[in-house]
């Protein structure tokens, strides 16, 4: 094998690699922040009203969000109130009109019923959804989450579905 040809090939690869790394580092990627206010439904053992707010920051396709949710109590069905505060990692498509996303996270919760039962602990969540452009920076957000609650809650698994208004800034 010709050693000068091999050295030239390695040199070109090194130069191309350095140029590529330089372009990736030198190209600024703007962070996008958004806020969502939502209404929906929580299930288990019965359907109850869910409401909340989420604040997120993403860099192209990867980001994180902090969210607070409150699922109301339904005394007649012995369905507890569930308040959650979660920190989630998000991976989303870098598209403009409709963005699909997946999320996974952890945080704290408080479950209470009739003022006689209360459990405060931590939990995990997994979910996904879509953001669809409406007008300028305003989007419709539709989301599904599966919560796995640790500790001694009345219901260890809770499903939540919501629709909300998402505004980027």
Protein backbone atom coordinates (compact mmCIF):
# COMPACT_ATOMS: atom_id res chain seq x y z
CA UNK A 1 0.00 0.00 0.00
CA UNK A 2 1.22 3.48 -0.81
CA UNK A 3 2.01 5.28 2.49
CA UNK A 4 1.80 8.80 1.02
CA UNK A 5 -1.73 8.04 -0.23
CA UNK A 6 -2.68 6.73 3.23
CA UNK A 7 -1.24 9.81 4.98
CA UNK A 8 -3.06 12.15 2.57
CA UNK A 9 -6.34 10.35 3.21
CA UNK A 10 -5.88 10.61 7.00
CA UNK A 11 -4.97 14.29 6.68
CA UNK A 12 -8.12 15.02 4.67
CA UNK A 13 -10.27 13.17 7.17
CA UNK A 14 -8.70 15.13 10.02
CA UNK A 15 -9.24 18.47 8.24
CA UNK A 16 -12.85 17.60 7.34
CA UNK A 17 -13.52 16.48 10.92
CA UNK A 18 -12.04 19.69 12.37
CA UNK A 19 -14.00 21.88 9.93
CA UNK A 20 -17.23 20.02 10.73
CA UNK A 21 -16.64 20.38 14.48
CA UNK A 22 -15.84 24.06 14.01
CA UNK A 23 -19.03 24.69 12.05
CA UNK A 24 -21.14 22.87 14.64
CA UNK A 25 -19.58 24.84 17.49
CA UNK A 26 -19.63 28.18 15.67
CA UNK A 27 -23.24 27.97 14.47
CA UNK A 28 -25.47 29.47 17.15
CA UNK A 29 -28.63 27.55 18.00
CA UNK A 30 -31.25 29.71 19.62
CA UNK A 31 -32.95 28.28 22.67
CA UNK A 32 -36.73 28.38 22.44
CA UNK A 33 -38.82 28.86 25.57
CA UNK A 34 -42.54 28.24 25.81
CA UNK A 35 -45.35 28.17 28.31
CA UNK A 36 -48.52 26.05 28.24
CA UNK A 37 -51.75 26.48 30.19
CA UNK A 38 -53.93 23.37 29.97
CA UNK A 39 -57.24 21.73 30.85
CA UNK A 40 -57.95 18.05 30.60
CA UNK A 41 -58.94 14.89 32.39
CA UNK A 42 -57.25 12.56 34.84
CA UNK A 43 -58.31 8.91 35.09
CA UNK A 44 -58.10 6.31 37.83
CA UNK A 45 -60.39 5.42 39.40
CA UNK A 46 -62.76 7.77 37.53
CA UNK A 47 -62.49 10.76 35.19
CA UNK A 48 -61.81 14.09 36.92
CA UNK A 49 -60.87 17.59 35.79
CA UNK A 50 -57.16 18.29 35.35
CA UNK A 51 -55.64 21.73 35.01
CA UNK A 52 -52.12 23.04 35.06
CA UNK A 53 -49.25 24.94 33.58
CA UNK A 54 -45.89 23.97 32.05
CA UNK A 55 -42.77 25.98 31.21
CA UNK A 56 -40.18 24.55 28.82
CA UNK A 57 -36.88 25.32 27.10
CA UNK A 58 -35.61 23.45 24.04
CA UNK A 59 -32.51 23.50 21.86
CA UNK A 60 -33.65 22.33 18.43
CA UNK A 61 -34.88 18.81 19.37
CA UNK A 62 -33.90 18.27 23.03
CA UNK A 63 -35.13 20.22 26.03
CA UNK A 64 -36.72 20.15 29.45
CA UNK A 65 -39.89 21.41 31.08
CA UNK A 66 -41.24 22.01 34.55
CA UNK A 67 -44.95 21.42 35.03
CA UNK A 68 -47.58 21.66 37.74
CA UNK A 69 -50.88 19.79 37.48
CA UNK A 70 -53.93 19.54 39.73
CA UNK A 71 -56.45 16.73 39.20
CA UNK A 72 -59.61 17.43 41.20
CA UNK A 73 -61.16 15.21 43.87
CA UNK A 74 -64.46 13.45 43.16
CA UNK A 75 -65.86 12.63 46.58
CA UNK A 76 -68.84 10.58 45.31
CA UNK A 77 -66.48 8.10 43.60
CA UNK A 78 -63.75 8.19 46.28
CA UNK A 79 -61.40 9.60 43.64
CA UNK A 80 -58.57 11.55 45.31
CA UNK A 81 -57.18 14.94 44.41
CA UNK A 82 -53.73 14.62 42.83
CA UNK A 83 -51.27 17.50 42.59
CA UNK A 84 -47.99 16.89 40.77
CA UNK A 85 -44.85 18.92 40.15
CA UNK A 86 -42.61 17.27 37.54
CA UNK A 87 -39.36 17.99 35.73
CA UNK A 88 -39.33 16.36 32.29
CA UNK A 89 -36.86 15.79 29.47
CA UNK A 90 -38.36 16.35 26.02
CA UNK A 91 -37.36 15.16 22.55
CA UNK A 92 -39.33 16.78 19.72
CA UNK A 93 -39.31 16.96 15.94
CA UNK A 94 -37.68 20.13 14.55
CA UNK A 95 -40.67 20.89 12.30
CA UNK A 96 -42.65 24.10 12.04
CA UNK A 97 -46.36 23.32 11.50
CA UNK A 98 -46.84 20.24 13.67
CA UNK A 99 -44.28 19.06 16.23
CA UNK A 100 -44.44 15.60 17.75
CA UNK A 101 -42.73 15.07 21.08
CA UNK A 102 -42.00 12.48 23.72
CA UNK A 103 -41.29 13.19 27.36
CA UNK A 104 -40.09 11.41 30.47
CA UNK A 105 -39.67 12.85 33.94
CA UNK A 106 -39.85 12.67 37.69
CA UNK A 107 -41.04 14.81 40.55
CA UNK A 108 -43.22 15.08 43.60
CA UNK A 109 -46.91 14.56 44.18
CA UNK A 110 -49.55 14.92 46.87
CA UNK A 111 -52.68 12.76 46.82
CA UNK A 112 -55.52 13.58 49.23
CA UNK A 113 -59.11 12.49 49.81
CA UNK A 114 -61.83 14.07 51.99
CA UNK A 115 -59.29 15.61 54.33
CA UNK A 116 -58.78 12.20 55.96
CA UNK A 117 -56.15 10.69 53.66
CA UNK A 118 -52.96 12.28 52.38
CA UNK A 119 -49.84 10.85 50.75
CA UNK A 120 -46.85 12.93 49.67
CA UNK A 121 -44.03 11.23 47.79
CA UNK A 122 -42.41 11.12 44.37
CA UNK A 123 -43.31 9.61 41.02
CA UNK A 124 -42.32 9.10 37.41
CA UNK A 125 -44.13 10.05 34.23
CA UNK A 126 -43.94 9.09 30.57
CA UNK A 127 -45.88 10.61 27.72
CA UNK A 128 -46.03 12.46 24.47
CA UNK A 129 -48.13 14.58 22.23
CA UNK A 130 -48.12 17.23 19.57
CA UNK A 131 -47.91 20.98 19.19
CA UNK A 132 -49.77 22.43 16.22
CA UNK A 133 -49.34 26.02 15.03
CA UNK A 134 -52.38 28.26 15.33
CA UNK A 135 -51.32 31.89 14.98
CA UNK A 136 -47.73 33.16 15.13
CA UNK A 137 -46.04 31.85 18.27
CA UNK A 138 -49.31 30.41 19.63
CA UNK A 139 -49.86 26.66 19.30
CA UNK A 140 -52.43 24.07 20.33
CA UNK A 141 -50.83 21.41 22.52
CA UNK A 142 -52.38 17.96 23.05
CA UNK A 143 -50.68 15.67 25.57
CA UNK A 144 -50.98 12.24 27.20
CA UNK A 145 -49.13 11.26 30.40
CA UNK A 146 -48.85 8.07 32.38
CA UNK A 147 -47.89 8.65 36.01
CA UNK A 148 -46.37 5.93 38.24
CA UNK A 149 -46.63 7.08 41.83
CA UNK A 150 -44.26 5.75 44.51
CA UNK A 151 -44.95 5.55 48.21
CA UNK A 152 -48.42 4.51 49.40
CA UNK A 153 -50.95 6.33 47.17
CA UNK A 154 -54.52 5.09 46.77
CA UNK A 155 -53.84 4.67 43.04
CA UNK A 156 -50.28 3.97 41.85
CA UNK A 157 -51.04 4.53 38.15
CA UNK A 158 -52.81 7.64 36.84
CA UNK A 159 -53.50 8.62 33.22
CA UNK A 160 -53.88 12.27 32.17
CA UNK A 161 -54.94 13.73 28.83
CA UNK A 162 -55.08 17.45 28.13
CA UNK A 163 -55.33 20.18 25.54
CA UNK A 164 -53.77 23.55 26.07
CA UNK A 165 -52.58 26.81 24.62
CA UNK A 166 -48.82 26.95 24.12
CA UNK A 167 -47.03 30.27 23.56
CA UNK A 168 -43.38 30.53 22.54
CA UNK A 169 -41.20 33.47 23.59
